[in-house]
Every structure is written in structure tokens, then in C-alpha cells.
Amino acid sequence: PDSRSVLVLRAGSDSSVVYGPEPEHDGKLLVSSILPGFSANMPDL
């Protein structure tokens, strides 16, 4: 909540994805490789 971001760690991968408002993040939509078609608007959270 402090940075208004979501860090997603995926099994079998050493990499992570950060979703949030900053340009270096993946954008304003949180998505999931587990839930096809799911997205949550980061600012709404």
C-alpha cells in the first residue's frame, strides 16, 4: 500500500514482476499467468 504496487513472484522463475504506477513497473493493470483474462486496475486497489 505504501508504494501502491504489487510484486508478483512466480514458481519456477527467479524473476519477479512489479505492477504499479511508476514507469519502471509493468503498468497500471495487475495480471496473472494463472487467471487467463484477469486484470485489476492498480489505482482502484
ModelCIF file with pLDDT and N, C-alpha, C, O atoms, coordinates in Angstrom:
data_MODEL
#
_entry.id   MODEL 
#
_entity.id                         1 
_entity.type                       polymer 
_entity.pdbx_number_of_molecules   1 
#
_entity_poly.entity_id                      1 
_entity_poly.type                           'polypeptide(L)' 
_entity_poly.nstd_linkage                   no 
_entity_poly.nstd_monomer                   no 
_entity_poly.pdbx_seq_one_letter_code       PDSRSVLVLRAGSDSSVVYGPEPEHDGKLLVSSILPGFSANMPDL 
_entity_poly.pdbx_seq_one_letter_code_can   PDSRSVLVLRAGSDSSVVYGPEPEHDGKLLVSSILPGFSANMPDL 
_entity_poly.pdbx_strand_id                 A 
#
loop_
_entity_poly_seq.entity_id 
_entity_poly_seq.num 
_entity_poly_seq.mon_id 
_entity_poly_seq.hetero 
1 1  PRO n 
1 2  ASP n 
1 3  SER n 
1 4  ARG n 
1 5  SER n 
1 6  VAL n 
1 7  LEU n 
1 8  VAL n 
1 9  LEU n 
1 10 ARG n 
1 11 ALA n 
1 12 GLY n 
1 13 SER n 
1 14 ASP n 
1 15 SER n 
1 16 SER n 
1 17 VAL n 
1 18 VAL n 
1 19 TYR n 
1 20 GLY n 
1 21 PRO n 
1 22 GLU n 
1 23 PRO n 
1 24 GLU n 
1 25 HIS n 
1 26 ASP n 
1 27 GLY n 
1 28 LYS n 
1 29 LEU n 
1 30 LEU n 
1 31 VAL n 
1 32 SER n 
1 33 SER n 
1 34 ILE n 
1 35 LEU n 
1 36 PRO n 
1 37 GLY n 
1 38 PHE n 
1 39 SER n 
1 40 ALA n 
1 41 ASN n 
1 42 MET n 
1 43 PRO n 
1 44 ASP n 
1 45 LEU n 
#
_struct_asym.id          A 
_struct_asym.entity_id   1 
#
loop_
_ma_qa_metric.id 
_ma_qa_metric.mode 
_ma_qa_metric.name 
_ma_qa_metric.software_group_id 
_ma_qa_metric.type 
1 global pLDDT . pLDDT 
2 local  pLDDT . pLDDT 
#
_ma_qa_metric_global.metric_id      1 
_ma_qa_metric_global.metric_value   82.42 
_ma_qa_metric_global.model_id       1 
_ma_qa_metric_global.ordinal_id     1 
#
loop_
_ma_qa_metric_local.label_asym_id 
_ma_qa_metric_local.label_comp_id 
_ma_qa_metric_local.label_seq_id 
_ma_qa_metric_local.metric_id 
_ma_qa_metric_local.metric_value 
_ma_qa_metric_local.model_id 
_ma_qa_metric_local.ordinal_id 
A PRO 1  2 90.00 1 1  
A ASP 2  2 88.00 1 2  
A SER 3  2 88.00 1 3  
A ARG 4  2 88.00 1 4  
A SER 5  2 89.00 1 5  
A VAL 6  2 92.00 1 6  
A LEU 7  2 92.00 1 7  
A VAL 8  2 93.00 1 8  
A LEU 9  2 93.00 1 9  
A ARG 10 2 90.00 1 10 
A ALA 11 2 87.00 1 11 
A GLY 12 2 80.00 1 12 
A SER 13 2 75.00 1 13 
A ASP 14 2 72.00 1 14 
A SER 15 2 70.00 1 15 
A SER 16 2 80.00 1 16 
A VAL 17 2 84.00 1 17 
A VAL 18 2 82.00 1 18 
A TYR 19 2 78.00 1 19 
A GLY 20 2 77.00 1 20 
A PRO 21 2 69.00 1 21 
A GLU 22 2 68.00 1 22 
A PRO 23 2 60.00 1 23 
A GLU 24 2 58.00 1 24 
A HIS 25 2 60.00 1 25 
A ASP 26 2 62.00 1 26 
A GLY 27 2 66.00 1 27 
A LYS 28 2 80.00 1 28 
A LEU 29 2 85.00 1 29 
A LEU 30 2 89.00 1 30 
A VAL 31 2 89.00 1 31 
A SER 32 2 91.00 1 32 
A SER 33 2 88.00 1 33 
A ILE 34 2 90.00 1 34 
A LEU 35 2 92.00 1 35 
A PRO 36 2 88.00 1 36 
A GLY 37 2 88.00 1 37 
A PHE 38 2 91.00 1 38 
A SER 39 2 90.00 1 39 
A ALA 40 2 90.00 1 40 
A ASN 41 2 86.00 1 41 
A MET 42 2 86.00 1 42 
A PRO 43 2 84.00 1 43 
A ASP 44 2 85.00 1 44 
A LEU 45 2 86.00 1 45 
#
loop_
_atom_site.group_PDB 
_atom_site.id 
_atom_site.type_symbol 
_atom_site.label_atom_id 
_atom_site.label_alt_id 
_atom_site.label_comp_id 
_atom_site.label_asym_id 
_atom_site.label_entity_id 
_atom_site.label_seq_id 
_atom_site.pdbx_PDB_ins_code 
_atom_site.Cartn_x 
_atom_site.Cartn_y 
_atom_site.Cartn_z 
_atom_site.occupancy 
_atom_site.B_iso_or_equiv 
_atom_site.pdbx_formal_charge 
_atom_site.auth_seq_id 
_atom_site.auth_comp_id 
_atom_site.auth_asym_id 
_atom_site.auth_atom_id 
_atom_site.pdbx_PDB_model_num 
ATOM 1   N N  . PRO A 1 1  ? 0.807  -1.222  0.000   1.00 90.00 ? 1  PRO A N  1 
ATOM 2   C CA . PRO A 1 1  ? 0.000  0.000   0.000   1.00 90.00 ? 1  PRO A CA 1 
ATOM 3   C C  . PRO A 1 1  ? 0.843  1.276   0.000   1.00 90.00 ? 1  PRO A C  1 
ATOM 4   O O  . PRO A 1 1  ? 0.403  2.299   -0.525  1.00 90.00 ? 1  PRO A O  1 
ATOM 5   N N  . ASP A 1 2  ? 2.049  1.234   0.580   1.00 88.00 ? 2  ASP A N  1 
ATOM 6   C CA . ASP A 1 2  ? 2.884  2.435   0.635   1.00 88.00 ? 2  ASP A CA 1 
ATOM 7   C C  . ASP A 1 2  ? 3.340  2.876   -0.754  1.00 88.00 ? 2  ASP A C  1 
ATOM 8   O O  . ASP A 1 2  ? 3.278  4.063   -1.075  1.00 88.00 ? 2  ASP A O  1 
ATOM 9   N N  . SER A 1 3  ? 3.795  1.938   -1.578  1.00 88.00 ? 3  SER A N  1 
ATOM 10  C CA . SER A 1 3  ? 4.242  2.291   -2.930  1.00 88.00 ? 3  SER A CA 1 
ATOM 11  C C  . SER A 1 3  ? 3.130  2.100   -3.970  1.00 88.00 ? 3  SER A C  1 
ATOM 12  O O  . SER A 1 3  ? 3.315  2.382   -5.154  1.00 88.00 ? 3  SER A O  1 
ATOM 13  N N  . ARG A 1 4  ? 1.980  1.619   -3.505  1.00 88.00 ? 4  ARG A N  1 
ATOM 14  C CA . ARG A 1 4  ? 0.832  1.355   -4.385  1.00 88.00 ? 4  ARG A CA 1 
ATOM 15  C C  . ARG A 1 4  ? 1.233  0.454   -5.548  1.00 88.00 ? 4  ARG A C  1 
ATOM 16  O O  . ARG A 1 4  ? 0.943  0.726   -6.712  1.00 88.00 ? 4  ARG A O  1 
ATOM 17  N N  . SER A 1 5  ? 1.912  -0.627  -5.182  1.00 89.00 ? 5  SER A N  1 
ATOM 18  C CA . SER A 1 5  ? 2.398  -1.565  -6.190  1.00 89.00 ? 5  SER A CA 1 
ATOM 19  C C  . SER A 1 5  ? 2.149  -2.999  -5.722  1.00 89.00 ? 5  SER A C  1 
ATOM 20  O O  . SER A 1 5  ? 1.847  -3.248  -4.555  1.00 89.00 ? 5  SER A O  1 
ATOM 21  N N  . VAL A 1 6  ? 2.284  -3.926  -6.658  1.00 92.00 ? 6  VAL A N  1 
ATOM 22  C CA . VAL A 1 6  ? 2.143  -5.351  -6.369  1.00 92.00 ? 6  VAL A CA 1 
ATOM 23  C C  . VAL A 1 6  ? 3.348  -6.070  -6.970  1.00 92.00 ? 6  VAL A C  1 
ATOM 24  O O  . VAL A 1 6  ? 3.623  -5.952  -8.165  1.00 92.00 ? 6  VAL A O  1 
ATOM 25  N N  . LEU A 1 7  ? 4.059  -6.812  -6.133  1.00 92.00 ? 7  LEU A N  1 
ATOM 26  C CA . LEU A 1 7  ? 5.163  -7.652  -6.572  1.00 92.00 ? 7  LEU A CA 1 
ATOM 27  C C  . LEU A 1 7  ? 4.604  -9.057  -6.761  1.00 92.00 ? 7  LEU A C  1 
ATOM 28  O O  . LEU A 1 7  ? 4.010  -9.614  -5.837  1.00 92.00 ? 7  LEU A O  1 
ATOM 29  N N  . VAL A 1 8  ? 4.784  -9.633  -7.941  1.00 93.00 ? 8  VAL A N  1 
ATOM 30  C CA . VAL A 1 8  ? 4.302  -10.981 -8.225  1.00 93.00 ? 8  VAL A CA 1 
ATOM 31  C C  . VAL A 1 8  ? 5.511  -11.893 -8.398  1.00 93.00 ? 8  VAL A C  1 
ATOM 32  O O  . VAL A 1 8  ? 6.344  -11.686 -9.280  1.00 93.00 ? 8  VAL A O  1 
ATOM 33  N N  . LEU A 1 9  ? 5.587  -12.910 -7.534  1.00 93.00 ? 9  LEU A N  1 
ATOM 34  C CA . LEU A 1 9  ? 6.623  -13.935 -7.628  1.00 93.00 ? 9  LEU A CA 1 
ATOM 35  C C  . LEU A 1 9  ? 5.982  -15.180 -8.207  1.00 93.00 ? 9  LEU A C  1 
ATOM 36  O O  . LEU A 1 9  ? 4.919  -15.603 -7.754  1.00 93.00 ? 9  LEU A O  1 
ATOM 37  N N  . ARG A 1 10 ? 6.624  -15.770 -9.207  1.00 90.00 ? 10 ARG A N  1 
ATOM 38  C CA . ARG A 1 10 ? 6.066  -16.951 -9.868  1.00 90.00 ? 10 ARG A CA 1 
ATOM 39  C C  . ARG A 1 10 ? 6.962  -18.153 -9.624  1.00 90.00 ? 10 ARG A C  1 
ATOM 40  O O  . ARG A 1 10 ? 8.183  -18.054 -9.743  1.00 90.00 ? 10 ARG A O  1 
ATOM 41  N N  . ALA A 1 11 ? 6.365  -19.284 -9.285  1.00 87.00 ? 11 ALA A N  1 
ATOM 42  C CA . ALA A 1 11 ? 7.110  -20.522 -9.049  1.00 87.00 ? 11 ALA A CA 1 
ATOM 43  C C  . ALA A 1 11 ? 7.864  -20.896 -10.313 1.00 87.00 ? 11 ALA A C  1 
ATOM 44  O O  . ALA A 1 11 ? 7.386  -20.681 -11.427 1.00 87.00 ? 11 ALA A O  1 
ATOM 45  N N  . GLY A 1 12 ? 9.055  -21.462 -10.122 1.00 80.00 ? 12 GLY A N  1 
ATOM 46  C CA . GLY A 1 12 ? 9.851  -21.897 -11.252 1.00 80.00 ? 12 GLY A CA 1 
ATOM 47  C C  . GLY A 1 12 ? 10.562 -20.765 -11.965 1.00 80.00 ? 12 GLY A C  1 
ATOM 48  O O  . GLY A 1 12 ? 11.158 -20.967 -13.022 1.00 80.00 ? 12 GLY A O  1 
ATOM 49  N N  . SER A 1 13 ? 10.499 -19.567 -11.384 1.00 75.00 ? 13 SER A N  1 
ATOM 50  C CA . SER A 1 13 ? 11.147 -18.419 -12.013 1.00 75.00 ? 13 SER A CA 1 
ATOM 51  C C  . SER A 1 13 ? 11.867 -17.615 -10.940 1.00 75.00 ? 13 SER A C  1 
ATOM 52  O O  . SER A 1 13 ? 11.323 -17.358 -9.867  1.00 75.00 ? 13 SER A O  1 
ATOM 53  N N  . ASP A 1 14 ? 13.079 -17.228 -11.242 1.00 72.00 ? 14 ASP A N  1 
ATOM 54  C CA . ASP A 1 14 ? 13.820 -16.375 -10.320 1.00 72.00 ? 14 ASP A CA 1 
ATOM 55  C C  . ASP A 1 14 ? 13.466 -14.911 -10.512 1.00 72.00 ? 14 ASP A C  1 
ATOM 56  O O  . ASP A 1 14 ? 13.866 -14.059 -9.717  1.00 72.00 ? 14 ASP A O  1 
ATOM 57  N N  . SER A 1 15 ? 12.723 -14.620 -11.558 1.00 70.00 ? 15 SER A N  1 
ATOM 58  C CA . SER A 1 15 ? 12.361 -13.234 -11.822 1.00 70.00 ? 15 SER A CA 1 
ATOM 59  C C  . SER A 1 15 ? 11.031 -12.898 -11.158 1.00 70.00 ? 15 SER A C  1 
ATOM 60  O O  . SER A 1 15 ? 10.257 -13.782 -10.792 1.00 70.00 ? 15 SER A O  1 
ATOM 61  N N  . SER A 1 16 ? 10.792 -11.627 -11.017 1.00 80.00 ? 16 SER A N  1 
ATOM 62  C CA . SER A 1 16 ? 9.537  -11.159 -10.451 1.00 80.00 ? 16 SER A CA 1 
ATOM 63  C C  . SER A 1 16 ? 9.011  -10.043 -11.336 1.00 80.00 ? 16 SER A C  1 
ATOM 64  O O  . SER A 1 16 ? 9.741  -9.482  -12.152 1.00 80.00 ? 16 SER A O  1 
ATOM 65  N N  . VAL A 1 17 ? 7.743  -9.730  -11.164 1.00 84.00 ? 17 VAL A N  1 
ATOM 66  C CA . VAL A 1 17 ? 7.107  -8.661  -11.926 1.00 84.00 ? 17 VAL A CA 1 
ATOM 67  C C  . VAL A 1 17 ? 6.509  -7.694  -10.916 1.00 84.00 ? 17 VAL A C  1 
ATOM 68  O O  . VAL A 1 17 ? 5.868  -8.110  -9.952  1.00 84.00 ? 17 VAL A O  1 
ATOM 69  N N  . VAL A 1 18 ? 6.722  -6.399  -11.141 1.00 82.00 ? 18 VAL A N  1 
ATOM 70  C CA . VAL A 1 18 ? 6.125  -5.379  -10.285 1.00 82.00 ? 18 VAL A CA 1 
ATOM 71  C C  . VAL A 1 18 ? 5.101  -4.608  -11.099 1.00 82.00 ? 18 VAL A C  1 
ATOM 72  O O  . VAL A 1 18 ? 5.403  -4.102  -12.180 1.00 82.00 ? 18 VAL A O  1 
ATOM 73  N N  . TYR A 1 19 ? 3.883  -4.522  -10.567 1.00 78.00 ? 19 TYR A N  1 
ATOM 74  C CA . TYR A 1 19 ? 2.819  -3.750  -11.194 1.00 78.00 ? 19 TYR A CA 1 
ATOM 75  C C  . TYR A 1 19 ? 2.572  -2.529  -10.322 1.00 78.00 ? 19 TYR A C  1 
ATOM 76  O O  . TYR A 1 19 ? 2.491  -2.642  -9.099  1.00 78.00 ? 19 TYR A O  1 
ATOM 77  N N  . GLY A 1 20 ? 2.453  -1.377  -10.939 1.00 77.00 ? 20 GLY A N  1 
ATOM 78  C CA . GLY A 1 20 ? 2.218  -0.178  -10.168 1.00 77.00 ? 20 GLY A CA 1 
ATOM 79  C C  . GLY A 1 20 ? 2.278  1.075   -11.011 1.00 77.00 ? 20 GLY A C  1 
ATOM 80  O O  . GLY A 1 20 ? 2.351  1.007   -12.237 1.00 77.00 ? 20 GLY A O  1 
ATOM 81  N N  . PRO A 1 21 ? 2.247  2.219   -10.351 1.00 69.00 ? 21 PRO A N  1 
ATOM 82  C CA . PRO A 1 21 ? 2.128  3.491   -11.062 1.00 69.00 ? 21 PRO A CA 1 
ATOM 83  C C  . PRO A 1 21 ? 3.426  4.022   -11.659 1.00 69.00 ? 21 PRO A C  1 
ATOM 84  O O  . PRO A 1 21 ? 3.384  4.916   -12.505 1.00 69.00 ? 21 PRO A O  1 
ATOM 85  N N  . GLU A 1 22 ? 4.555  3.508   -11.253 1.00 68.00 ? 22 GLU A N  1 
ATOM 86  C CA . GLU A 1 22 ? 5.840  4.050   -11.715 1.00 68.00 ? 22 GLU A CA 1 
ATOM 87  C C  . GLU A 1 22 ? 6.179  3.554   -13.122 1.00 68.00 ? 22 GLU A C  1 
ATOM 88  O O  . GLU A 1 22 ? 5.796  2.445   -13.492 1.00 68.00 ? 22 GLU A O  1 
ATOM 89  N N  . PRO A 1 23 ? 6.897  4.365   -13.910 1.00 60.00 ? 23 PRO A N  1 
ATOM 90  C CA . PRO A 1 23 ? 7.251  3.973   -15.285 1.00 60.00 ? 23 PRO A CA 1 
ATOM 91  C C  . PRO A 1 23 ? 8.044  2.669   -15.368 1.00 60.00 ? 23 PRO A C  1 
ATOM 92  O O  . PRO A 1 23 ? 7.917  1.934   -16.347 1.00 60.00 ? 23 PRO A O  1 
ATOM 93  N N  . GLU A 1 24 ? 8.868  2.372   -14.344 1.00 58.00 ? 24 GLU A N  1 
ATOM 94  C CA . GLU A 1 24 ? 9.669  1.147   -14.411 1.00 58.00 ? 24 GLU A CA 1 
ATOM 95  C C  . GLU A 1 24 ? 8.848  -0.108  -14.110 1.00 58.00 ? 24 GLU A C  1 
ATOM 96  O O  . GLU A 1 24 ? 9.346  -1.223  -14.265 1.00 58.00 ? 24 GLU A O  1 
ATOM 97  N N  . HIS A 1 25 ? 7.608  0.064   -13.684 1.00 60.00 ? 25 HIS A N  1 
ATOM 98  C CA . HIS A 1 25 ? 6.729  -1.080  -13.416 1.00 60.00 ? 25 HIS A CA 1 
ATOM 99  C C  . HIS A 1 25 ? 6.039  -1.522  -14.705 1.00 60.00 ? 25 HIS A C  1 
ATOM 100 O O  . HIS A 1 25 ? 6.111  -0.843  -15.730 1.00 60.00 ? 25 HIS A O  1 
ATOM 101 N N  . ASP A 1 26 ? 5.375  -2.666  -14.633 1.00 62.00 ? 26 ASP A N  1 
ATOM 102 C CA . ASP A 1 26 ? 4.732  -3.226  -15.821 1.00 62.00 ? 26 ASP A CA 1 
ATOM 103 C C  . ASP A 1 26 ? 3.413  -2.552  -16.183 1.00 62.00 ? 26 ASP A C  1 
ATOM 104 O O  . ASP A 1 26 ? 2.774  -2.952  -17.156 1.00 62.00 ? 26 ASP A O  1 
ATOM 105 N N  . GLY A 1 27 ? 2.998  -1.567  -15.449 1.00 66.00 ? 27 GLY A N  1 
ATOM 106 C CA . GLY A 1 27 ? 1.788  -0.857  -15.837 1.00 66.00 ? 27 GLY A CA 1 
ATOM 107 C C  . GLY A 1 27 ? 0.750  -0.787  -14.748 1.00 66.00 ? 27 GLY A C  1 
ATOM 108 O O  . GLY A 1 27 ? 0.971  -1.209  -13.614 1.00 66.00 ? 27 GLY A O  1 
ATOM 109 N N  . LYS A 1 28 ? -0.382 -0.245  -15.121 1.00 80.00 ? 28 LYS A N  1 
ATOM 110 C CA . LYS A 1 28 ? -1.440 0.015   -14.157 1.00 80.00 ? 28 LYS A CA 1 
ATOM 111 C C  . LYS A 1 28 ? -2.447 -1.119  -14.055 1.00 80.00 ? 28 LYS A C  1 
ATOM 112 O O  . LYS A 1 28 ? -3.438 -1.001  -13.334 1.00 80.00 ? 28 LYS A O  1 
ATOM 113 N N  . LEU A 1 29 ? -2.207 -2.221  -14.769 1.00 85.00 ? 29 LEU A N  1 
ATOM 114 C CA . LEU A 1 29 ? -3.099 -3.376  -14.679 1.00 85.00 ? 29 LEU A CA 1 
ATOM 115 C C  . LEU A 1 29 ? -2.331 -4.559  -14.100 1.00 85.00 ? 29 LEU A C  1 
ATOM 116 O O  . LEU A 1 29 ? -1.309 -4.976  -14.645 1.00 85.00 ? 29 LEU A O  1 
ATOM 117 N N  . LEU A 1 30 ? -2.835 -5.093  -12.990 1.00 89.00 ? 30 LEU A N  1 
ATOM 118 C CA . LEU A 1 30 ? -2.296 -6.314  -12.399 1.00 89.00 ? 30 LEU A CA 1 
ATOM 119 C C  . LEU A 1 30 ? -2.869 -7.485  -13.181 1.00 89.00 ? 30 LEU A C  1 
ATOM 120 O O  . LEU A 1 30 ? -4.088 -7.600  -13.307 1.00 89.00 ? 30 LEU A O  1 
ATOM 121 N N  . VAL A 1 31 ? -2.017 -8.356  -13.708 1.00 89.00 ? 31 VAL A N  1 
ATOM 122 C CA . VAL A 1 31 ? -2.463 -9.531  -14.450 1.00 89.00 ? 31 VAL A CA 1 
ATOM 123 C C  . VAL A 1 31 ? -1.853 -10.777 -13.822 1.00 89.00 ? 31 VAL A C  1 
ATOM 124 O O  . VAL A 1 31 ? -0.932 -10.694 -13.009 1.00 89.00 ? 31 VAL A O  1 
ATOM 125 N N  . SER A 1 32 ? -2.381 -11.929 -14.211 1.00 91.00 ? 32 SER A N  1 
ATOM 126 C CA . SER A 1 32 ? -1.923 -13.192 -13.648 1.00 91.00 ? 32 SER A CA 1 
ATOM 127 C C  . SER A 1 32 ? -1.751 -14.225 -14.745 1.00 91.00 ? 32 SER A C  1 
ATOM 128 O O  . SER A 1 32 ? -2.575 -14.324 -15.655 1.00 91.00 ? 32 SER A O  1 
ATOM 129 N N  . SER A 1 33 ? -0.674 -14.996 -14.653 1.00 88.00 ? 33 SER A N  1 
ATOM 130 C CA . SER A 1 33 ? -0.489 -16.100 -15.597 1.00 88.00 ? 33 SER A CA 1 
ATOM 131 C C  . SER A 1 33 ? -1.391 -17.278 -15.230 1.00 88.00 ? 33 SER A C  1 
ATOM 132 O O  . SER A 1 33 ? -1.590 -18.180 -16.044 1.00 88.00 ? 33 SER A O  1 
ATOM 133 N N  . ILE A 1 34 ? -1.934 -17.279 -14.023 1.00 90.00 ? 34 ILE A N  1 
ATOM 134 C CA . ILE A 1 34 ? -2.802 -18.361 -13.534 1.00 90.00 ? 34 ILE A CA 1 
ATOM 135 C C  . ILE A 1 34 ? -4.255 -18.125 -13.943 1.00 90.00 ? 34 ILE A C  1 
ATOM 136 O O  . ILE A 1 34 ? -4.997 -19.080 -14.172 1.00 90.00 ? 34 ILE A O  1 
ATOM 137 N N  . LEU A 1 35 ? -4.665 -16.856 -14.037 1.00 92.00 ? 35 LEU A N  1 
ATOM 138 C CA . LEU A 1 35 ? -6.060 -16.489 -14.302 1.00 92.00 ? 35 LEU A CA 1 
ATOM 139 C C  . LEU A 1 35 ? -6.158 -15.823 -15.670 1.00 92.00 ? 35 LEU A C  1 
ATOM 140 O O  . LEU A 1 35 ? -6.037 -14.602 -15.764 1.00 92.00 ? 35 LEU A O  1 
ATOM 141 N N  . PRO A 1 36 ? -6.375 -16.600 -16.736 1.00 88.00 ? 36 PRO A N  1 
ATOM 142 C CA . PRO A 1 36 ? -6.430 -16.024 -18.083 1.00 88.00 ? 36 PRO A CA 1 
ATOM 143 C C  . PRO A 1 36 ? -7.502 -14.937 -18.183 1.00 88.00 ? 36 PRO A C  1 
ATOM 144 O O  . PRO A 1 36 ? -8.657 -15.151 -17.818 1.00 88.00 ? 36 PRO A O  1 
ATOM 145 N N  . GLY A 1 37 ? -7.101 -13.781 -18.677 1.00 88.00 ? 37 GLY A N  1 
ATOM 146 C CA . GLY A 1 37 ? -8.038 -12.683 -18.867 1.00 88.00 ? 37 GLY A CA 1 
ATOM 147 C C  . GLY A 1 37 ? -8.247 -11.816 -17.632 1.00 88.00 ? 37 GLY A C  1 
ATOM 148 O O  . GLY A 1 37 ? -8.930 -10.795 -17.712 1.00 88.00 ? 37 GLY A O  1 
ATOM 149 N N  . PHE A 1 38 ? -7.676 -12.198 -16.494 1.00 91.00 ? 38 PHE A N  1 
ATOM 150 C CA . PHE A 1 38 ? -7.849 -11.387 -15.279 1.00 91.00 ? 38 PHE A CA 1 
ATOM 151 C C  . PHE A 1 38 ? -6.974 -10.149 -15.349 1.00 91.00 ? 38 PHE A C  1 
ATOM 152 O O  . PHE A 1 38 ? -5.820 -10.205 -15.775 1.00 91.00 ? 38 PHE A O  1 
ATOM 153 N N  . SER A 1 39 ? -7.543 -9.035  -14.923 1.00 90.00 ? 39 SER A N  1 
ATOM 154 C CA . SER A 1 39 ? -6.751 -7.823  -14.706 1.00 90.00 ? 39 SER A CA 1 
ATOM 155 C C  . SER A 1 39 ? -7.451 -6.992  -13.642 1.00 90.00 ? 39 SER A C  1 
ATOM 156 O O  . SER A 1 39 ? -8.680 -6.965  -13.562 1.00 90.00 ? 39 SER A O  1 
ATOM 157 N N  . ALA A 1 40 ? -6.663 -6.326  -12.838 1.00 90.00 ? 40 ALA A N  1 
ATOM 158 C CA . ALA A 1 40 ? -7.189 -5.408  -11.829 1.00 90.00 ? 40 ALA A CA 1 
ATOM 159 C C  . ALA A 1 40 ? -6.504 -4.080  -12.039 1.00 90.00 ? 40 ALA A C  1 
ATOM 160 O O  . ALA A 1 40 ? -5.280 -4.016  -12.161 1.00 90.00 ? 40 ALA A O  1 
ATOM 161 N N  . ASN A 1 41 ? -7.279 -3.030  -12.082 1.00 86.00 ? 41 ASN A N  1 
ATOM 162 C CA . ASN A 1 41 ? -6.754 -1.688  -12.254 1.00 86.00 ? 41 ASN A CA 1 
ATOM 163 C C  . ASN A 1 41 ? -6.050 -1.274  -10.966 1.00 86.00 ? 41 ASN A C  1 
ATOM 164 O O  . ASN A 1 41 ? -6.688 -1.118  -9.925  1.00 86.00 ? 41 ASN A O  1 
ATOM 165 N N  . MET A 1 42 ? -4.739 -1.098  -11.043 1.00 86.00 ? 42 MET A N  1 
ATOM 166 C CA . MET A 1 42 ? -3.937 -0.807  -9.853  1.00 86.00 ? 42 MET A CA 1 
ATOM 167 C C  . MET A 1 42 ? -4.442 0.408   -9.072  1.00 86.00 ? 42 MET A C  1 
ATOM 168 O O  . MET A 1 42 ? -4.573 0.316   -7.851  1.00 86.00 ? 42 MET A O  1 
ATOM 169 N N  . PRO A 1 43 ? -4.731 1.547   -9.721  1.00 84.00 ? 43 PRO A N  1 
ATOM 170 C CA . PRO A 1 43 ? -5.206 2.681   -8.938  1.00 84.00 ? 43 PRO A CA 1 
ATOM 171 C C  . PRO A 1 43 ? -6.484 2.371   -8.138  1.00 84.00 ? 43 PRO A C  1 
ATOM 172 O O  . PRO A 1 43 ? -6.667 2.905   -7.044  1.00 84.00 ? 43 PRO A O  1 
ATOM 173 N N  . ASP A 1 44 ? -7.360 1.523   -8.669  1.00 85.00 ? 44 ASP A N  1 
ATOM 174 C CA . ASP A 1 44 ? -8.592 1.187   -7.970  1.00 85.00 ? 44 ASP A CA 1 
ATOM 175 C C  . ASP A 1 44 ? -8.320 0.423   -6.660  1.00 85.00 ? 44 ASP A C  1 
ATOM 176 O O  . ASP A 1 44 ? -9.064 0.576   -5.692  1.00 85.00 ? 44 ASP A O  1 
ATOM 177 N N  . LEU A 1 45 ? -7.268 -0.388  -6.629  1.00 86.00 ? 45 LEU A N  1 
ATOM 178 C CA . LEU A 1 45 ? -6.962 -1.152  -5.428  1.00 86.00 ? 45 LEU A CA 1 
ATOM 179 C C  . LEU A 1 45 ? -6.581 -0.251  -4.257  1.00 86.00 ? 45 LEU A C  1 
ATOM 180 O O  . LEU A 1 45 ? -6.294 -0.744  -3.166  1.00 86.00 ? 45 LEU A O  1 
#
